[in-house]
PDB file of N, CA and C in Angstrom:
ATOM      1  N   MET A   1       7.834  75.962 -30.689  1.00  0.00           N
ATOM      2  CA  MET A   1       7.486  76.050 -31.850  1.00  0.00           C
ATOM      3  C   MET A   1       8.435  76.756 -32.515  1.00  0.00           C
ATOM      4  N   THR A   2       8.646  76.316 -34.039  1.00  0.00           N
ATOM      5  CA  THR A   2       9.222  77.343 -34.835  1.00  0.00           C
ATOM      6  C   THR A   2       8.476  77.883 -35.962  1.00  0.00           C
ATOM      7  N   PRO A   3       9.005  79.045 -36.935  1.00  0.00           N
ATOM      8  CA  PRO A   3       8.080  79.502 -37.563  1.00  0.00           C
ATOM      9  C   PRO A   3       7.400  79.170 -38.671  1.00  0.00           C
ATOM     10  N   TRP A   4       8.660  78.156 -38.964  1.00  0.00           N
ATOM     11  CA  TRP A   4       8.613  77.409 -40.501  1.00  0.00           C
ATOM     12  C   TRP A   4       6.770  76.324 -40.083  1.00  0.00           C
ATOM     13  N   LEU A   5       7.007  76.042 -38.525  1.00  0.00           N
ATOM     14  CA  LEU A   5       5.509  75.153 -38.660  1.00  0.00           C
ATOM     15  C   LEU A   5       4.441  76.151 -38.254  1.00  0.00           C
ATOM     16  N   ARG A   6       4.786  77.283 -37.424  1.00  0.00           N
ATOM     17  CA  ARG A   6       3.933  78.175 -37.686  1.00  0.00           C
ATOM     18  C   ARG A   6       3.090  78.554 -38.785  1.00  0.00           C
ATOM     19  N   GLY A   7       4.084  78.982 -39.639  1.00  0.00           N
ATOM     20  CA  GLY A   7       3.903  79.368 -40.960  1.00  0.00           C
ATOM     21  C   GLY A   7       2.510  78.163 -41.619  1.00  0.00           C
ATOM     22  N   LEU A   8       3.286  76.310 -41.579  1.00  0.00           N
ATOM     23  CA  LEU A   8       2.753  75.888 -41.885  1.00  0.00           C
ATOM     24  C   LEU A   8       0.980  75.932 -41.521  1.00  0.00           C
ATOM     25  N   ILE A   9       0.848  76.094 -40.294  1.00  0.00           N
ATOM     26  CA  ILE A   9      -0.499  75.762 -39.392  1.00  0.00           C
ATOM     27  C   ILE A   9      -1.221  77.231 -40.241  1.00  0.00           C
ATOM     28  N   LEU A  10      -0.885  78.345 -40.227  1.00  0.00           N
ATOM     29  CA  LEU A  10      -1.756  79.264 -40.400  1.00  0.00           C
ATOM     30  C   LEU A  10      -1.869  79.526 -41.934  1.00  0.00           C
ATOM     31  N   ARG A  11      -1.429  78.315 -43.025  1.00  0.00           N
ATOM     32  CA  ARG A  11      -1.557  78.407 -44.031  1.00  0.00           C
ATOM     33  C   ARG A  11      -3.017  77.744 -43.937  1.00  0.00           C
ATOM     34  N   ARG A  12      -3.017  76.820 -43.110  1.00  0.00           N
ATOM     35  CA  ARG A  12      -4.134  75.827 -43.453  1.00  0.00           C
ATOM     36  C   ARG A  12      -5.394  76.602 -42.708  1.00  0.00           C
ATOM     37  N   MET A  13      -5.246  78.210 -42.367  1.00  0.00           N
ATOM     38  CA  MET A  13      -6.481  78.459 -41.618  1.00  0.00           C
ATOM     39  C   MET A  13      -6.787  79.453 -42.927  1.00  0.00           C
ATOM     40  N   SER A  14      -8.326  79.900 -42.664  1.00  0.00           N
ATOM     41  CA  SER A  14      -8.854  81.620 -43.384  1.00  0.00           C
ATOM     42  C   SER A  14      -8.098  82.291 -43.061  1.00  0.00           C
ATOM     43  N   PRO A  15      -8.011  83.048 -44.178  1.00  0.00           N
ATOM     44  CA  PRO A  15      -6.929  84.297 -43.826  1.00  0.00           C
ATOM     45  C   PRO A  15      -7.505  85.090 -42.608  1.00  0.00           C
ATOM     46  N   ASP A  16      -9.159  85.065 -42.335  1.00  0.00           N
ATOM     47  CA  ASP A  16      -9.508  86.272 -40.956  1.00  0.00           C
ATOM     48  C   ASP A  16      -9.271  85.369 -39.776  1.00  0.00           C
ATOM     49  N   ARG A  17      -9.396  83.600 -40.066  1.00  0.00           N
ATOM     50  CA  ARG A  17      -8.560  83.112 -38.990  1.00  0.00           C
ATOM     51  C   ARG A  17      -7.017  83.478 -38.189  1.00  0.00           C
ATOM     52  N   ALA A  18      -6.574  83.103 -39.319  1.00  0.00           N
ATOM     53  CA  ALA A  18      -4.785  83.529 -39.707  1.00  0.00           C
ATOM     54  C   ALA A  18      -4.592  85.273 -39.001  1.00  0.00           C
ATOM     55  N   ALA A  19      -5.120  86.005 -39.463  1.00  0.00           N
ATOM     56  CA  ALA A  19      -5.105  86.989 -38.798  1.00  0.00           C
ATOM     57  C   ALA A  19      -5.554  87.465 -37.391  1.00  0.00           C
ATOM     58  N   ALA A  20      -6.613  86.464 -36.876  1.00  0.00           N
ATOM     59  CA  ALA A  20      -7.054  86.461 -35.779  1.00  0.00           C
ATOM     60  C   ALA A  20      -6.009  85.975 -34.825  1.00  0.00           C
ATOM     61  N   ALA A  21      -5.690  84.778 -34.787  1.00  0.00           N
ATOM     62  CA  ALA A  21      -4.611  84.145 -34.578  1.00  0.00           C
ATOM     63  C   ALA A  21      -2.869  84.637 -34.162  1.00  0.00           C
ATOM     64  N   GLU A  22      -2.776  85.575 -35.183  1.00  0.00           N
ATOM     65  CA  GLU A  22      -1.354  86.725 -35.075  1.00  0.00           C
ATOM     66  C   GLU A  22      -1.825  87.265 -34.190  1.00  0.00           C
ATOM     67  N   ALA A  23      -3.085  88.413 -34.132  1.00  0.00           N
ATOM     68  CA  ALA A  23      -3.520  89.508 -32.911  1.00  0.00           C
ATOM     69  C   ALA A  23      -3.135  88.249 -31.792  1.00  0.00           C
ATOM     70  N   GLU A  24      -3.929  87.428 -31.299  1.00  0.00           N
ATOM     71  CA  GLU A  24      -4.271  86.792 -29.802  1.00  0.00           C
ATOM     72  C   GLU A  24      -2.834  86.682 -29.654  1.00  0.00           C
ATOM     73  N   SER A  25      -1.829  86.336 -30.443  1.00  0.00           N
ATOM     74  CA  SER A  25      -0.337  85.701 -30.508  1.00  0.00           C
ATOM     75  C   SER A  25       0.612  86.861 -29.847  1.00  0.00           C
ATOM     76  N   ARG A  26       0.273  87.836 -30.374  1.00  0.00           N
ATOM     77  CA  ARG A  26       1.165  89.201 -30.331  1.00  0.00           C
ATOM     78  C   ARG A  26       0.258  89.932 -28.745  1.00  0.00           C
ATOM     79  N   GLU A  27      -0.555  88.977 -28.179  1.00  0.00           N
ATOM     80  CA  GLU A  27      -1.282  89.667 -26.633  1.00  0.00           C
ATOM     81  C   GLU A  27      -0.273  88.632 -25.514  1.00  0.00           C
ATOM     82  N   TRP A  28       0.218  87.789 -25.959  1.00  0.00           N
ATOM     83  CA  TRP A  28       0.246  86.728 -25.036  1.00  0.00           C
ATOM     84  C   TRP A  28       1.777  86.593 -24.994  1.00  0.00           C
ATOM     85  N   GLN A  29       2.645  86.975 -24.045  1.00  0.00           N
ATOM     86  CA  GLN A  29       4.127  87.171 -23.493  1.00  0.00           C
ATOM     87  C   GLN A  29       4.651  86.411 -22.616  1.00  0.00           C
ATOM     88  N   MET A  30       5.953  86.328 -23.087  1.00  0.00           N
ATOM     89  CA  MET A  30       6.653  85.121 -22.324  1.00  0.00           C
ATOM     90  C   MET A  30       7.788  86.267 -21.625  1.00  0.00           C
ATOM     91  N   VAL A  31       8.048  85.765 -20.655  1.00  0.00           N
ATOM     92  CA  VAL A  31       8.237  86.612 -19.378  1.00  0.00           C
ATOM     93  C   VAL A  31       9.665  85.987 -18.868  1.00  0.00           C
ATOM     94  N   CYS A  32      10.656  86.228 -18.414  1.00  0.00           N
ATOM     95  CA  CYS A  32      11.651  85.813 -17.823  1.00  0.00           C
ATOM     96  C   CYS A  32      11.767  85.880 -16.581  1.00  0.00           C
ATOM     97  N   THR A  33      12.090  84.561 -16.262  1.00  0.00           N
ATOM     98  CA  THR A  33      11.633  84.625 -14.848  1.00  0.00           C
ATOM     99  C   THR A  33      12.611  84.701 -13.834  1.00  0.00           C
ATOM    100  N   VAL A  34      14.154  85.181 -14.567  1.00  0.00           N
ATOM    101  CA  VAL A  34      15.563  85.632 -13.233  1.00  0.00           C
ATOM    102  C   VAL A  34      15.371  87.326 -13.836  1.00  0.00           C
ATOM    103  N   CYS A  35      15.668  87.963 -14.875  1.00  0.00           N
ATOM    104  CA  CYS A  35      15.441  89.435 -15.336  1.00  0.00           C
ATOM    105  C   CYS A  35      14.318  90.261 -15.351  1.00  0.00           C
ATOM    106  N   GLY A  36      13.117  88.907 -15.689  1.00  0.00           N
ATOM    107  CA  GLY A  36      11.497  89.970 -16.248  1.00  0.00           C
ATOM    108  C   GLY A  36      11.415  90.058 -17.690  1.00  0.00           C
ATOM    109  N   TRP A  37      12.636  89.952 -18.540  1.00  0.00           N
ATOM    110  CA  TRP A  37      12.705  90.574 -20.173  1.00  0.00           C
ATOM    111  C   TRP A  37      11.154  89.703 -20.988  1.00  0.00           C
ATOM    112  N   ARG A  38      10.601  90.619 -21.779  1.00  0.00           N
ATOM    113  CA  ARG A  38       9.501  90.167 -22.304  1.00  0.00           C
ATOM    114  C   ARG A  38       9.599  90.054 -23.829  1.00  0.00           C
ATOM    115  N   ILE A  39       8.825  89.356 -24.090  1.00  0.00           N
ATOM    116  CA  ILE A  39       9.257  88.855 -25.653  1.00  0.00           C
ATOM    117  C   ILE A  39       7.424  88.426 -25.626  1.00  0.00           C
ATOM    118  N   SER A  40       6.729  89.022 -26.782  1.00  0.00           N
ATOM    119  CA  SER A  40       5.670  88.346 -27.441  1.00  0.00           C
ATOM    120  C   SER A  40       5.793  86.998 -27.900  1.00  0.00           C
ATOM    121  N   VAL A  41       4.933  86.002 -27.615  1.00  0.00           N
ATOM    122  CA  VAL A  41       4.650  84.893 -27.800  1.00  0.00           C
ATOM    123  C   VAL A  41       4.776  84.518 -29.742  1.00  0.00           C
ATOM    124  N   TRP A  42       4.393  85.702 -30.100  1.00  0.00           N
ATOM    125  CA  TRP A  42       4.536  86.102 -31.759  1.00  0.00           C
ATOM    126  C   TRP A  42       5.934  86.222 -32.213  1.00  0.00           C
ATOM    127  N   ASP A  43       6.828  86.947 -31.771  1.00  0.00           N
ATOM    128  CA  ASP A  43       7.653  87.338 -32.294  1.00  0.00           C
ATOM    129  C   ASP A  43       8.884  86.554 -31.920  1.00  0.00           C
ATOM    130  N   ALA A  44       8.407  85.730 -30.656  1.00  0.00           N
ATOM    131  CA  ALA A  44       9.432  84.395 -29.986  1.00  0.00           C
ATOM    132  C   ALA A  44       9.103  83.293 -31.022  1.00  0.00           C
ATOM    133  N   GLY A  45       8.311  83.437 -32.610  1.00  0.00           N
ATOM    134  CA  GLY A  45       7.734  82.323 -33.101  1.00  0.00           C
ATOM    135  C   GLY A  45       6.988  81.550 -32.473  1.00  0.00           C
ATOM    136  N   GLY A  46       6.070  81.492 -32.101  1.00  0.00           N
ATOM    137  CA  GLY A  46       5.292  80.625 -31.897  1.00  0.00           C
ATOM    138  C   GLY A  46       3.720  81.257 -32.105  1.00  0.00           C
ATOM    139  N   LEU A  47       2.775  80.677 -31.146  1.00  0.00           N
ATOM    140  CA  LEU A  47       1.874  80.756 -31.454  1.00  0.00           C
ATOM    141  C   LEU A  47       0.428  79.959 -30.922  1.00  0.00           C
ATOM    142  N   ARG A  48      -0.210  81.202 -30.405  1.00  0.00           N
ATOM    143  CA  ARG A  48      -0.707  80.701 -29.038  1.00  0.00           C
ATOM    144  C   ARG A  48      -2.752  81.346 -29.649  1.00  0.00           C
ATOM    145  N   TYR A  49      -3.339  80.782 -30.082  1.00  0.00           N
ATOM    146  CA  TYR A  49      -4.760  81.172 -30.476  1.00  0.00           C
ATOM    147  C   TYR A  49      -6.185  80.278 -29.673  1.00  0.00           C
ATOM    148  N   LYS A  50      -6.685  81.073 -29.524  1.00  0.00           N
ATOM    149  CA  LYS A  50      -7.531  80.547 -28.220  1.00  0.00           C
ATOM    150  C   LYS A  50      -7.616  79.605 -27.196  1.00  0.00           C
ATOM    151  N   ALA A  51      -6.459  80.362 -26.528  1.00  0.00           N
ATOM    152  CA  ALA A  51      -5.841  79.443 -25.342  1.00  0.00           C
ATOM    153  C   ALA A  51      -6.184  80.025 -24.230  1.00  0.00           C
ATOM    154  N   ALA A  52      -6.345  79.330 -22.839  1.00  0.00           N
ATOM    155  CA  ALA A  52      -6.464  80.280 -21.720  1.00  0.00           C
ATOM    156  C   ALA A  52      -6.163  79.318 -20.312  1.00  0.00           C
ATOM    157  N   SER A  53      -4.778  78.535 -20.639  1.00  0.00           N
ATOM    158  CA  SER A  53      -4.552  77.921 -19.870  1.00  0.00           C
ATOM    159  C   SER A  53      -3.584  79.101 -18.315  1.00  0.00           C
ATOM    160  N   ARG A  54      -3.904  78.669 -17.882  1.00  0.00           N
ATOM    161  CA  ARG A  54      -2.586  79.418 -16.289  1.00  0.00           C
ATOM    162  C   ARG A  54      -1.487  79.089 -15.807  1.00  0.00           C
ATOM    163  N   GLY A  55      -0.041  79.639 -15.592  1.00  0.00           N
ATOM    164  CA  GLY A  55       0.695  79.303 -15.112  1.00  0.00           C
ATOM    165  C   GLY A  55       1.786  77.854 -16.068  1.00  0.00           C
ATOM    166  N   LYS A  56       1.568  78.904 -17.191  1.00  0.00           N
ATOM    167  CA  LYS A  56       2.316  77.477 -18.536  1.00  0.00           C
ATOM    168  C   LYS A  56       3.575  78.370 -18.446  1.00  0.00           C
ATOM    169  N   ARG A  57       4.684  77.197 -18.874  1.00  0.00           N
ATOM    170  CA  ARG A  57       6.186  77.871 -18.379  1.00  0.00           C
ATOM    171  C   ARG A  57       7.074  77.452 -19.538  1.00  0.00           C
ATOM    172  N   GLY A  58       7.949  77.947 -20.176  1.00  0.00           N
ATOM    173  CA  GLY A  58       8.674  77.112 -20.920  1.00  0.00           C
ATOM    174  C   GLY A  58       9.985  77.676 -20.971  1.00  0.00           C
ATOM    175  N   LEU A  59      11.087  76.943 -21.912  1.00  0.00           N
ATOM    176  CA  LEU A  59      12.143  76.900 -21.762  1.00  0.00           C
ATOM    177  C   LEU A  59      12.227  77.905 -23.011  1.00  0.00           C
ATOM    178  N   GLY A  60      13.347  79.355 -22.672  1.00  0.00           N
ATOM    179  CA  GLY A  60      13.795  79.941 -24.184  1.00  0.00           C
ATOM    180  C   GLY A  60      14.641  80.357 -23.832  1.00  0.00           C
ATOM    181  N   ARG A  61      15.885  80.773 -24.987  1.00  0.00           N
ATOM    182  CA  ARG A  61      16.710  81.997 -24.529  1.00  0.00           C
ATOM    183  C   ARG A  61      16.733  83.185 -24.420  1.00  0.00           C
ATOM    184  N   CYS A  62      17.002  83.812 -23.112  1.00  0.00           N
ATOM    185  CA  CYS A  62      16.848  85.200 -22.775  1.00  0.00           C
ATOM    186  C   CYS A  62      17.842  86.073 -23.648  1.00  0.00           C
ATOM    187  N   LYS A  63      17.541  86.830 -24.104  1.00  0.00           N
ATOM    188  CA  LYS A  63      18.191  87.993 -24.913  1.00  0.00           C
ATOM    189  C   LYS A  63      19.021  88.793 -23.759  1.00  0.00           C
ATOM    190  N   GLN A  64      18.318  88.956 -22.533  1.00  0.00           N
ATOM    191  CA  GLN A  64      18.425  90.108 -21.879  1.00  0.00           C
ATOM    192  C   GLN A  64      20.039  88.972 -20.660  1.00  0.00           C
ATOM    193  N   CYS A  65      19.676  88.113 -20.273  1.00  0.00           N
ATOM    194  CA  CYS A  65      20.809  87.349 -19.486  1.00  0.00           C
ATOM    195  C   CYS A  65      21.524  86.462 -20.084  1.00  0.00           C
ATOM    196  N   GLY A  66      21.126  86.465 -21.684  1.00  0.00           N
ATOM    197  CA  GLY A  66      21.727  85.971 -22.423  1.00  0.00           C
ATOM    198  C   GLY A  66      22.136  84.337 -22.278  1.00  0.00           C
ATOM    199  N   ARG A  67      21.120  83.296 -21.182  1.00  0.00           N
ATOM    200  CA  ARG A  67      20.968  82.410 -21.261  1.00  0.00           C
ATOM    201  C   ARG A  67      19.689  81.789 -21.262  1.00  0.00           C
ATOM    202  N   TRP A  68      19.833  80.448 -21.056  1.00  0.00           N
ATOM    203  CA  TRP A  68      18.693  79.679 -21.239  1.00  0.00           C
ATOM    204  C   TRP A  68      17.895  79.806 -19.615  1.00  0.00           C
ATOM    205  N   ARG A  69      16.844  80.305 -20.249  1.00  0.00           N
ATOM    206  CA  ARG A  69      15.470  80.424 -18.885  1.00  0.00           C
ATOM    207  C   ARG A  69      14.594  79.778 -18.675  1.00  0.00           C
ATOM    208  N   TRP A  70      13.877  79.814 -18.021  1.00  0.00           N
ATOM    209  CA  TRP A  70      12.135  79.799 -18.009  1.00  0.00           C
ATOM    210  C   TRP A  70      11.379  80.891 -17.954  1.00  0.00           C
ATOM    211  N   PHE A  71      10.505  80.903 -18.853  1.00  0.00           N
ATOM    212  CA  PHE A  71       9.820  81.776 -19.157  1.00  0.00           C
ATOM    213  C   PHE A  71       8.479  81.520 -18.658  1.00  0.00           C
ATOM    214  N   ARG A  72       7.416  82.256 -18.155  1.00  0.00           N
ATOM    215  CA  ARG A  72       6.155  82.263 -17.516  1.00  0.00           C
ATOM    216  C   ARG A  72       5.443  82.856 -18.733  1.00  0.00           C
ATOM    217  N   VAL A  73       4.443  82.042 -19.432  1.00  0.00           N
ATOM    218  CA  VAL A  73       3.715  82.612 -20.727  1.00  0.00           C
ATOM    219  C   VAL A  73       2.697  83.573 -20.127  1.00  0.00           C
ATOM    220  N   GLU A  74       2.086  84.557 -19.715  1.00  0.00           N
ATOM    221  CA  GLU A  74       1.136  85.068 -19.537  1.00  0.00           C
ATOM    222  C   GLU A  74       0.707  86.270 -20.592  1.00  0.00           C
ATOM    223  N   ARG A  75      -1.051  86.462 -20.533  1.00  0.00           N
ATOM    224  CA  ARG A  75      -1.207  87.343 -21.520  1.00  0.00           C
ATOM    225  C   ARG A  75      -0.924  88.787 -20.773  1.00  0.00           C
ATOM    226  N   MET A  76      -0.801  89.688 -21.904  1.00  0.00           N
ATOM    227  CA  MET A  76      -1.444  91.177 -21.618  1.00  0.00           C
ATOM    228  C   MET A  76      -2.896  91.491 -21.335  1.00  0.00           C
ATOM    229  N   THR A  77      -3.718  91.256 -21.997  1.00  0.00           N
ATOM    230  CA  THR A  77      -4.975  92.109 -21.681  1.00  0.00           C
ATOM    231  C   THR A  77      -5.847  90.879 -21.283  1.00  0.00           C
ATOM    232  N   GLU A  78      -6.719  90.836 -20.274  1.00  0.00           N
ATOM    233  CA  GLU A  78      -7.619  90.007 -19.771  1.00  0.00           C
ATOM    234  C   GLU A  78      -8.790  90.340 -20.429  1.00  0.00           C
ATOM    235  N   GLU A  79      -9.166  89.151 -20.951  1.00  0.00           N
ATOM    236  CA  GLU A  79     -10.805  89.175 -21.441  1.00  0.00           C
ATOM    237  C   GLU A  79     -11.340  89.698 -20.820  1.00  0.00           C
TER     238      GLU A  79
END
């Protein structure tokens, strides 16, 4: 997801729901499967709200490796 698409989605939500979506997106992290570098889904430009999937992966550019890598998506705090 790109930041402009995330902004479009958030503008369609109520302010309370948008704040909750941002807070939850900050709880999810993308972890490089090679070096372990982490970034929150929110900081990566994504949005993850009311998500419960496990084992999700995504492709992204790792700032530590400097290459395109697969990232695991994990929640920092368990419910």
